[in-house]
PDB file of all heavy atoms in Angstrom:
ATOM      1  N   GLU A   1     -29.115  14.283  17.378  1.00  0.00           N
ATOM      2  CA  GLU A   1     -29.231  13.058  16.391  1.00  0.00           C
ATOM      3  C   GLU A   1     -28.787  13.357  15.061  1.00  0.00           C
ATOM      4  O   GLU A   1     -28.177  12.607  14.389  1.00  0.00           O
ATOM      5  CB  GLU A   1     -30.785  12.702  16.385  1.00  0.00           C
ATOM      6  CG  GLU A   1     -31.053  11.415  15.797  1.00  0.00           C
ATOM      7  CD  GLU A   1     -32.511  11.017  15.981  1.00  0.00           C
ATOM      8  OE1 GLU A   1     -33.390  11.934  15.768  1.00  0.00           O
ATOM      9  OE2 GLU A   1     -32.749   9.906  16.497  1.00  0.00           O
ATOM     10  N   ASN A   2     -28.941  14.530  14.546  1.00  0.00           N
ATOM     11  CA  ASN A   2     -28.600  14.899  13.176  1.00  0.00           C
ATOM     12  C   ASN A   2     -27.339  15.643  13.136  1.00  0.00           C
ATOM     13  O   ASN A   2     -27.038  16.228  12.105  1.00  0.00           O
ATOM     14  CB  ASN A   2     -29.777  15.683  12.423  1.00  0.00           C
ATOM     15  CG  ASN A   2     -31.017  14.809  12.343  1.00  0.00           C
ATOM     16  OD1 ASN A   2     -30.923  13.592  12.135  1.00  0.00           O
ATOM     17  ND2 ASN A   2     -32.220  15.350  12.484  1.00  0.00           N
ATOM     18  N   LYS A   3     -26.587  15.797  14.163  1.00  0.00           N
ATOM     19  CA  LYS A   3     -25.400  16.547  14.166  1.00  0.00           C
ATOM     20  C   LYS A   3     -24.287  15.760  13.816  1.00  0.00           C
ATOM     21  O   LYS A   3     -24.254  14.477  14.196  1.00  0.00           O
ATOM     22  CB  LYS A   3     -25.081  17.147  15.580  1.00  0.00           C
ATOM     23  CG  LYS A   3     -26.230  18.033  16.067  1.00  0.00           C
ATOM     24  CD  LYS A   3     -25.989  19.396  15.526  1.00  0.00           C
ATOM     25  CE  LYS A   3     -27.088  20.327  16.197  1.00  0.00           C
ATOM     26  NZ  LYS A   3     -27.032  21.622  15.709  1.00  0.00           N
ATOM     27  N   GLU A   4     -23.257  16.269  12.963  1.00  0.00           N
ATOM     28  CA  GLU A   4     -22.099  15.482  12.641  1.00  0.00           C
ATOM     29  C   GLU A   4     -20.933  16.183  13.417  1.00  0.00           C
ATOM     30  O   GLU A   4     -20.824  17.423  13.397  1.00  0.00           O
ATOM     31  CB  GLU A   4     -21.760  15.578  11.224  1.00  0.00           C
ATOM     32  CG  GLU A   4     -22.730  14.740  10.267  1.00  0.00           C
ATOM     33  CD  GLU A   4     -22.428  14.775   8.867  1.00  0.00           C
ATOM     34  OE1 GLU A   4     -21.185  14.990   8.606  1.00  0.00           O
ATOM     35  OE2 GLU A   4     -23.205  14.486   8.065  1.00  0.00           O
ATOM     36  N   VAL A   5     -20.053  15.355  13.884  1.00  0.00           N
ATOM     37  CA  VAL A   5     -18.813  15.832  14.669  1.00  0.00           C
ATOM     38  C   VAL A   5     -17.803  15.520  13.665  1.00  0.00           C
ATOM     39  O   VAL A   5     -17.498  14.338  13.468  1.00  0.00           O
ATOM     40  CB  VAL A   5     -18.839  15.227  16.033  1.00  0.00           C
ATOM     41  CG1 VAL A   5     -17.471  15.677  16.675  1.00  0.00           C
ATOM     42  CG2 VAL A   5     -19.975  15.471  16.864  1.00  0.00           C
ATOM     43  N   LYS A   6     -16.972  16.523  13.314  1.00  0.00           N
ATOM     44  CA  LYS A   6     -15.896  16.376  12.512  1.00  0.00           C
ATOM     45  C   LYS A   6     -14.552  16.492  13.368  1.00  0.00           C
ATOM     46  O   LYS A   6     -14.440  17.403  14.003  1.00  0.00           O
ATOM     47  CB  LYS A   6     -15.757  17.279  11.397  1.00  0.00           C
ATOM     48  CG  LYS A   6     -16.950  17.092  10.367  1.00  0.00           C
ATOM     49  CD  LYS A   6     -16.669  18.048   9.190  1.00  0.00           C
ATOM     50  CE  LYS A   6     -17.814  17.698   8.161  1.00  0.00           C
ATOM     51  NZ  LYS A   6     -17.686  18.783   6.996  1.00  0.00           N
ATOM     52  N   ALA A   7     -13.713  15.458  13.215  1.00  0.00           N
ATOM     53  CA  ALA A   7     -12.498  15.533  13.912  1.00  0.00           C
ATOM     54  C   ALA A   7     -11.395  15.291  12.907  1.00  0.00           C
ATOM     55  O   ALA A   7     -11.346  14.203  12.356  1.00  0.00           O
ATOM     56  CB  ALA A   7     -12.454  14.381  14.985  1.00  0.00           C
ATOM     57  N   GLU A   8     -10.640  16.300  12.704  1.00  0.00           N
ATOM     58  CA  GLU A   8      -9.542  16.228  11.723  1.00  0.00           C
ATOM     59  C   GLU A   8      -8.223  16.373  12.494  1.00  0.00           C
ATOM     60  O   GLU A   8      -8.124  17.259  13.327  1.00  0.00           O
ATOM     61  CB  GLU A   8      -9.691  17.289  10.638  1.00  0.00           C
ATOM     62  CG  GLU A   8     -10.909  16.938   9.795  1.00  0.00           C
ATOM     63  CD  GLU A   8     -10.984  17.867   8.463  1.00  0.00           C
ATOM     64  OE1 GLU A   8      -9.785  18.374   8.219  1.00  0.00           O
ATOM     65  OE2 GLU A   8     -11.947  18.051   7.912  1.00  0.00           O
ATOM     66  N   LEU A   9      -7.266  15.634  12.040  1.00  0.00           N
ATOM     67  CA  LEU A   9      -5.890  15.751  12.467  1.00  0.00           C
ATOM     68  C   LEU A   9      -5.074  16.703  11.715  1.00  0.00           C
ATOM     69  O   LEU A   9      -5.228  16.615  10.453  1.00  0.00           O
ATOM     70  CB  LEU A   9      -5.270  14.367  12.777  1.00  0.00           C
ATOM     71  CG  LEU A   9      -5.955  13.393  13.722  1.00  0.00           C
ATOM     72  CD1 LEU A   9      -5.305  11.978  13.499  1.00  0.00           C
ATOM     73  CD2 LEU A   9      -5.907  13.897  15.077  1.00  0.00           C
ATOM     74  N   SER A  10      -4.170  17.347  12.375  1.00  0.00           N
ATOM     75  CA  SER A  10      -3.277  18.142  11.577  1.00  0.00           C
ATOM     76  C   SER A  10      -2.285  17.290  10.781  1.00  0.00           C
ATOM     77  O   SER A  10      -2.105  16.096  11.226  1.00  0.00           O
ATOM     78  CB  SER A  10      -2.610  19.287  12.470  1.00  0.00           C
ATOM     79  OG  SER A  10      -1.692  18.586  13.361  1.00  0.00           O
ATOM     80  N   VAL A  11      -1.545  17.883   9.874  1.00  0.00           N
ATOM     81  CA  VAL A  11      -0.543  17.064   9.158  1.00  0.00           C
ATOM     82  C   VAL A  11       0.551  16.618  10.188  1.00  0.00           C
ATOM     83  O   VAL A  11       1.052  15.521  10.067  1.00  0.00           O
ATOM     84  CB  VAL A  11       0.062  17.969   8.043  1.00  0.00           C
ATOM     85  CG1 VAL A  11       1.175  17.286   7.334  1.00  0.00           C
ATOM     86  CG2 VAL A  11      -1.009  18.375   7.051  1.00  0.00           C
ATOM     87  N   ASP A  12       0.937  17.553  11.096  1.00  0.00           N
ATOM     88  CA  ASP A  12       2.014  17.078  12.066  1.00  0.00           C
ATOM     89  C   ASP A  12       1.602  15.921  12.908  1.00  0.00           C
ATOM     90  O   ASP A  12       2.400  15.036  13.194  1.00  0.00           O
ATOM     91  CB  ASP A  12       2.260  18.352  12.987  1.00  0.00           C
ATOM     92  CG  ASP A  12       3.024  19.492  12.317  1.00  0.00           C
ATOM     93  OD1 ASP A  12       3.614  19.145  11.139  1.00  0.00           O
ATOM     94  OD2 ASP A  12       2.965  20.560  12.713  1.00  0.00           O
ATOM     95  N   ASP A  13       0.274  15.954  13.311  1.00  0.00           N
ATOM     96  CA  ASP A  13      -0.252  14.885  14.152  1.00  0.00           C
ATOM     97  C   ASP A  13      -0.319  13.572  13.407  1.00  0.00           C
ATOM     98  O   ASP A  13       0.029  12.524  13.895  1.00  0.00           O
ATOM     99  CB  ASP A  13      -1.699  15.151  14.658  1.00  0.00           C
ATOM    100  CG  ASP A  13      -1.728  16.286  15.702  1.00  0.00           C
ATOM    101  OD1 ASP A  13      -0.627  16.585  16.285  1.00  0.00           O
ATOM    102  OD2 ASP A  13      -2.751  17.036  15.849  1.00  0.00           O
ATOM    103  N   LYS A  14      -0.677  13.692  12.100  1.00  0.00           N
ATOM    104  CA  LYS A  14      -0.717  12.496  11.225  1.00  0.00           C
ATOM    105  C   LYS A  14       0.665  11.922  11.078  1.00  0.00           C
ATOM    106  O   LYS A  14       0.870  10.721  11.213  1.00  0.00           O
ATOM    107  CB  LYS A  14      -1.293  12.791   9.841  1.00  0.00           C
ATOM    108  CG  LYS A  14      -2.830  13.097   9.935  1.00  0.00           C
ATOM    109  CD  LYS A  14      -3.334  13.367   8.532  1.00  0.00           C
ATOM    110  CE  LYS A  14      -4.823  13.706   8.503  1.00  0.00           C
ATOM    111  NZ  LYS A  14      -5.269  14.071   7.142  1.00  0.00           N
ATOM    112  N   ASN A  15       1.644  12.867  10.858  1.00  0.00           N
ATOM    113  CA  ASN A  15       3.076  12.313  10.756  1.00  0.00           C
ATOM    114  C   ASN A  15       3.565  11.717  11.944  1.00  0.00           C
ATOM    115  O   ASN A  15       4.320  10.752  11.919  1.00  0.00           O
ATOM    116  CB  ASN A  15       3.924  13.534  10.286  1.00  0.00           C
ATOM    117  CG  ASN A  15       3.632  13.933   8.807  1.00  0.00           C
ATOM    118  OD1 ASN A  15       3.222  13.110   8.037  1.00  0.00           O
ATOM    119  ND2 ASN A  15       3.966  15.240   8.502  1.00  0.00           N
ATOM    120  N   SER A  16       3.260  12.385  13.044  1.00  0.00           N
ATOM    121  CA  SER A  16       3.588  11.866  14.445  1.00  0.00           C
ATOM    122  C   SER A  16       3.043  10.429  14.605  1.00  0.00           C
ATOM    123  O   SER A  16       3.699   9.544  15.088  1.00  0.00           O
ATOM    124  CB  SER A  16       3.107  12.820  15.543  1.00  0.00           C
ATOM    125  OG  SER A  16       3.467  12.262  16.813  1.00  0.00           O
ATOM    126  N   ILE A  17       1.887  10.280  14.268  1.00  0.00           N
ATOM    127  CA  ILE A  17       1.231   8.893  14.562  1.00  0.00           C
ATOM    128  C   ILE A  17       1.827   7.865  13.566  1.00  0.00           C
ATOM    129  O   ILE A  17       2.181   6.742  13.959  1.00  0.00           O
ATOM    130  CB  ILE A  17      -0.268   8.890  14.155  1.00  0.00           C
ATOM    131  CG1 ILE A  17      -0.968   9.782  15.250  1.00  0.00           C
ATOM    132  CG2 ILE A  17      -0.963   7.550  14.029  1.00  0.00           C
ATOM    133  CD1 ILE A  17      -2.484  10.026  15.011  1.00  0.00           C
ATOM    134  N   LEU A  18       2.140   8.266  12.274  1.00  0.00           N
ATOM    135  CA  LEU A  18       2.762   7.277  11.419  1.00  0.00           C
ATOM    136  C   LEU A  18       4.305   6.994  11.899  1.00  0.00           C
ATOM    137  O   LEU A  18       4.568   5.920  11.797  1.00  0.00           O
ATOM    138  CB  LEU A  18       2.840   7.942   9.949  1.00  0.00           C
ATOM    139  CG  LEU A  18       1.548   8.017   9.242  1.00  0.00           C
ATOM    140  CD1 LEU A  18       1.775   8.842   7.913  1.00  0.00           C
ATOM    141  CD2 LEU A  18       0.972   6.700   8.972  1.00  0.00           C
ATOM    142  N   SER A  19       4.848   7.937  12.433  1.00  0.00           N
ATOM    143  CA  SER A  19       6.276   7.877  12.912  1.00  0.00           C
ATOM    144  C   SER A  19       6.226   6.844  14.159  1.00  0.00           C
ATOM    145  O   SER A  19       6.952   5.897  14.317  1.00  0.00           O
ATOM    146  CB  SER A  19       6.862   9.131  13.428  1.00  0.00           C
ATOM    147  OG  SER A  19       8.097   8.962  14.028  1.00  0.00           O
ATOM    148  N   LEU A  20       5.204   7.053  15.018  1.00  0.00           N
ATOM    149  CA  LEU A  20       4.958   6.138  16.166  1.00  0.00           C
ATOM    150  C   LEU A  20       4.767   4.694  15.695  1.00  0.00           C
ATOM    151  O   LEU A  20       5.268   3.868  16.283  1.00  0.00           O
ATOM    152  CB  LEU A  20       3.905   6.614  17.009  1.00  0.00           C
ATOM    153  CG  LEU A  20       3.544   5.873  18.203  1.00  0.00           C
ATOM    154  CD1 LEU A  20       4.794   5.797  19.260  1.00  0.00           C
ATOM    155  CD2 LEU A  20       2.308   6.438  18.969  1.00  0.00           C
ATOM    156  N   GLU A  21       3.940   4.651  14.660  1.00  0.00           N
ATOM    157  CA  GLU A  21       3.532   3.246  14.139  1.00  0.00           C
ATOM    158  C   GLU A  21       4.801   2.606  13.545  1.00  0.00           C
ATOM    159  O   GLU A  21       5.101   1.342  13.832  1.00  0.00           O
ATOM    160  CB  GLU A  21       2.557   3.411  13.000  1.00  0.00           C
ATOM    161  CG  GLU A  21       2.036   2.078  12.473  1.00  0.00           C
ATOM    162  CD  GLU A  21       0.911   2.343  11.359  1.00  0.00           C
ATOM    163  OE1 GLU A  21       0.233   3.259  11.477  1.00  0.00           O
ATOM    164  OE2 GLU A  21       0.828   1.462  10.446  1.00  0.00           O
ATOM    165  N   LYS A  22       5.796   3.256  12.901  1.00  0.00           N
ATOM    166  CA  LYS A  22       6.920   2.676  12.443  1.00  0.00           C
ATOM    167  C   LYS A  22       7.834   2.262  13.553  1.00  0.00           C
ATOM    168  O   LYS A  22       8.491   1.259  13.501  1.00  0.00           O
ATOM    169  CB  LYS A  22       7.709   3.749  11.511  1.00  0.00           C
ATOM    170  CG  LYS A  22       7.082   3.891  10.122  1.00  0.00           C
ATOM    171  CD  LYS A  22       7.713   4.927   9.318  1.00  0.00           C
ATOM    172  CE  LYS A  22       7.045   5.222   8.063  1.00  0.00           C
ATOM    173  NZ  LYS A  22       7.681   6.339   7.273  1.00  0.00           N
ATOM    174  N   ARG A  23       7.922   3.143  14.561  1.00  0.00           N
ATOM    175  CA  ARG A  23       8.733   2.828  15.817  1.00  0.00           C
ATOM    176  C   ARG A  23       8.197   1.541  16.413  1.00  0.00           C
ATOM    177  O   ARG A  23       8.996   0.753  16.867  1.00  0.00           O
ATOM    178  CB  ARG A  23       8.872   4.003  16.804  1.00  0.00           C
ATOM    179  CG  ARG A  23       9.684   5.145  16.358  1.00  0.00           C
ATOM    180  CD  ARG A  23       9.853   6.067  17.386  1.00  0.00           C
ATOM    181  NE  ARG A  23      10.028   7.383  16.772  1.00  0.00           N
ATOM    182  CZ  ARG A  23       9.441   8.550  17.316  1.00  0.00           C
ATOM    183  NH1 ARG A  23       8.750   8.519  18.364  1.00  0.00           N
ATOM    184  NH2 ARG A  23       9.633   9.639  16.722  1.00  0.00           N
ATOM    185  N   LEU A  24       6.863   1.396  16.643  1.00  0.00           N
ATOM    186  CA  LEU A  24       6.298   0.249  17.241  1.00  0.00           C
ATOM    187  C   LEU A  24       6.605  -1.031  16.406  1.00  0.00           C
ATOM    188  O   LEU A  24       6.959  -2.078  17.025  1.00  0.00           O
ATOM    189  CB  LEU A  24       4.763   0.363  17.384  1.00  0.00           C
ATOM    190  CG  LEU A  24       4.307   1.353  18.519  1.00  0.00           C
ATOM    191  CD1 LEU A  24       2.832   1.542  18.438  1.00  0.00           C
ATOM    192  CD2 LEU A  24       4.827   0.963  19.800  1.00  0.00           C
ATOM    193  N   LYS A  25       6.573  -0.850  15.128  1.00  0.00           N
ATOM    194  CA  LYS A  25       6.983  -2.096  14.243  1.00  0.00           C
ATOM    195  C   LYS A  25       8.374  -2.433  14.480  1.00  0.00           C
ATOM    196  O   LYS A  25       8.647  -3.636  14.678  1.00  0.00           O
ATOM    197  CB  LYS A  25       6.730  -1.815  12.697  1.00  0.00           C
ATOM    198  CG  LYS A  25       5.310  -1.839  12.440  1.00  0.00           C
ATOM    199  CD  LYS A  25       5.116  -1.614  10.978  1.00  0.00           C
ATOM    200  CE  LYS A  25       3.617  -1.615  10.552  1.00  0.00           C
ATOM    201  NZ  LYS A  25       3.486  -1.252   9.128  1.00  0.00           N
ATOM    202  N   LEU A  26       9.268  -1.441  14.522  1.00  0.00           N
ATOM    203  CA  LEU A  26      10.725  -1.664  14.874  1.00  0.00           C
ATOM    204  C   LEU A  26      10.893  -2.288  16.226  1.00  0.00           C
ATOM    205  O   LEU A  26      11.688  -3.240  16.358  1.00  0.00           O
ATOM    206  CB  LEU A  26      11.471  -0.405  14.716  1.00  0.00           C
ATOM    207  CG  LEU A  26      13.005  -0.488  14.920  1.00  0.00           C
ATOM    208  CD1 LEU A  26      13.537  -1.401  13.898  1.00  0.00           C
ATOM    209  CD2 LEU A  26      13.667   0.821  14.920  1.00  0.00           C
ATOM    210  N   PHE A  27      10.143  -1.785  17.146  1.00  0.00           N
ATOM    211  CA  PHE A  27      10.267  -2.253  18.526  1.00  0.00           C
ATOM    212  C   PHE A  27       9.891  -3.812  18.644  1.00  0.00           C
ATOM    213  O   PHE A  27      10.506  -4.608  19.263  1.00  0.00           O
ATOM    214  CB  PHE A  27       9.341  -1.413  19.426  1.00  0.00           C
ATOM    215  CG  PHE A  27       9.315  -1.874  20.902  1.00  0.00           C
ATOM    216  CD1 PHE A  27      10.408  -1.695  21.658  1.00  0.00           C
ATOM    217  CD2 PHE A  27       8.236  -2.491  21.429  1.00  0.00           C
ATOM    218  CE1 PHE A  27      10.441  -2.072  23.026  1.00  0.00           C
ATOM    219  CE2 PHE A  27       8.145  -2.977  22.754  1.00  0.00           C
ATOM    220  CZ  PHE A  27       9.307  -2.710  23.502  1.00  0.00           C
ATOM    221  N   ASN A  28       8.710  -4.084  17.869  1.00  0.00           N
ATOM    222  CA  ASN A  28       8.240  -5.463  17.836  1.00  0.00           C
ATOM    223  C   ASN A  28       9.299  -6.402  17.275  1.00  0.00           C
ATOM    224  O   ASN A  28       9.549  -7.472  17.881  1.00  0.00           O
ATOM    225  CB  ASN A  28       7.011  -5.643  16.971  1.00  0.00           C
ATOM    226  CG  ASN A  28       5.790  -5.139  17.758  1.00  0.00           C
ATOM    227  OD1 ASN A  28       5.810  -4.990  19.036  1.00  0.00           O
ATOM    228  ND2 ASN A  28       4.643  -4.768  17.059  1.00  0.00           N
ATOM    229  N   TRP A  29       9.985  -5.912  16.208  1.00  0.00           N
ATOM    230  CA  TRP A  29      10.983  -6.798  15.593  1.00  0.00           C
ATOM    231  C   TRP A  29      12.205  -6.898  16.546  1.00  0.00           C
ATOM    232  O   TRP A  29      12.844  -7.966  16.634  1.00  0.00           O
ATOM    233  CB  TRP A  29      11.447  -6.216  14.239  1.00  0.00           C
ATOM    234  CG  TRP A  29      10.427  -6.555  13.177  1.00  0.00           C
ATOM    235  CD1 TRP A  29       9.533  -5.777  12.517  1.00  0.00           C
ATOM    236  CD2 TRP A  29      10.168  -7.811  12.684  1.00  0.00           C
ATOM    237  NE1 TRP A  29       8.748  -6.446  11.676  1.00  0.00           N
ATOM    238  CE2 TRP A  29       9.124  -7.668  11.654  1.00  0.00           C
ATOM    239  CE3 TRP A  29      10.712  -9.136  12.801  1.00  0.00           C
ATOM    240  CZ2 TRP A  29       8.711  -8.720  10.975  1.00  0.00           C
ATOM    241  CZ3 TRP A  29      10.229 -10.158  12.122  1.00  0.00           C
ATOM    242  CH2 TRP A  29       9.160 -10.064  11.264  1.00  0.00           C
ATOM    243  N   SER A  30      12.488  -5.794  17.247  1.00  0.00           N
ATOM    244  CA  SER A  30      13.663  -5.853  18.264  1.00  0.00           C
ATOM    245  C   SER A  30      13.321  -6.822  19.312  1.00  0.00           C
ATOM    246  O   SER A  30      14.250  -7.613  19.745  1.00  0.00           O
ATOM    247  CB  SER A  30      13.766  -4.479  18.843  1.00  0.00           C
ATOM    248  OG  SER A  30      14.103  -3.466  17.875  1.00  0.00           O
ATOM    249  N   ILE A  31      12.084  -6.934  19.754  1.00  0.00           N
ATOM    250  CA  ILE A  31      11.712  -7.845  20.758  1.00  0.00           C
ATOM    251  C   ILE A  31      11.955  -9.266  20.237  1.00  0.00           C
ATOM    252  O   ILE A  31      12.569 -10.135  20.947  1.00  0.00           O
ATOM    253  CB  ILE A  31      10.234  -7.650  21.346  1.00  0.00           C
ATOM    254  CG1 ILE A  31      10.204  -6.390  22.183  1.00  0.00           C
ATOM    255  CG2 ILE A  31       9.830  -8.861  22.112  1.00  0.00           C
ATOM    256  CD1 ILE A  31       8.814  -6.055  22.504  1.00  0.00           C
TER     257      ILE A  31
END
């Protein structure tokens, strides 16, 4: 109940997610 779970992403993972988000936006516009 009183435990906190911390989940942090590495910088590479964050950059990968941002890159994927940009590609998805481009893909949507392509469609």
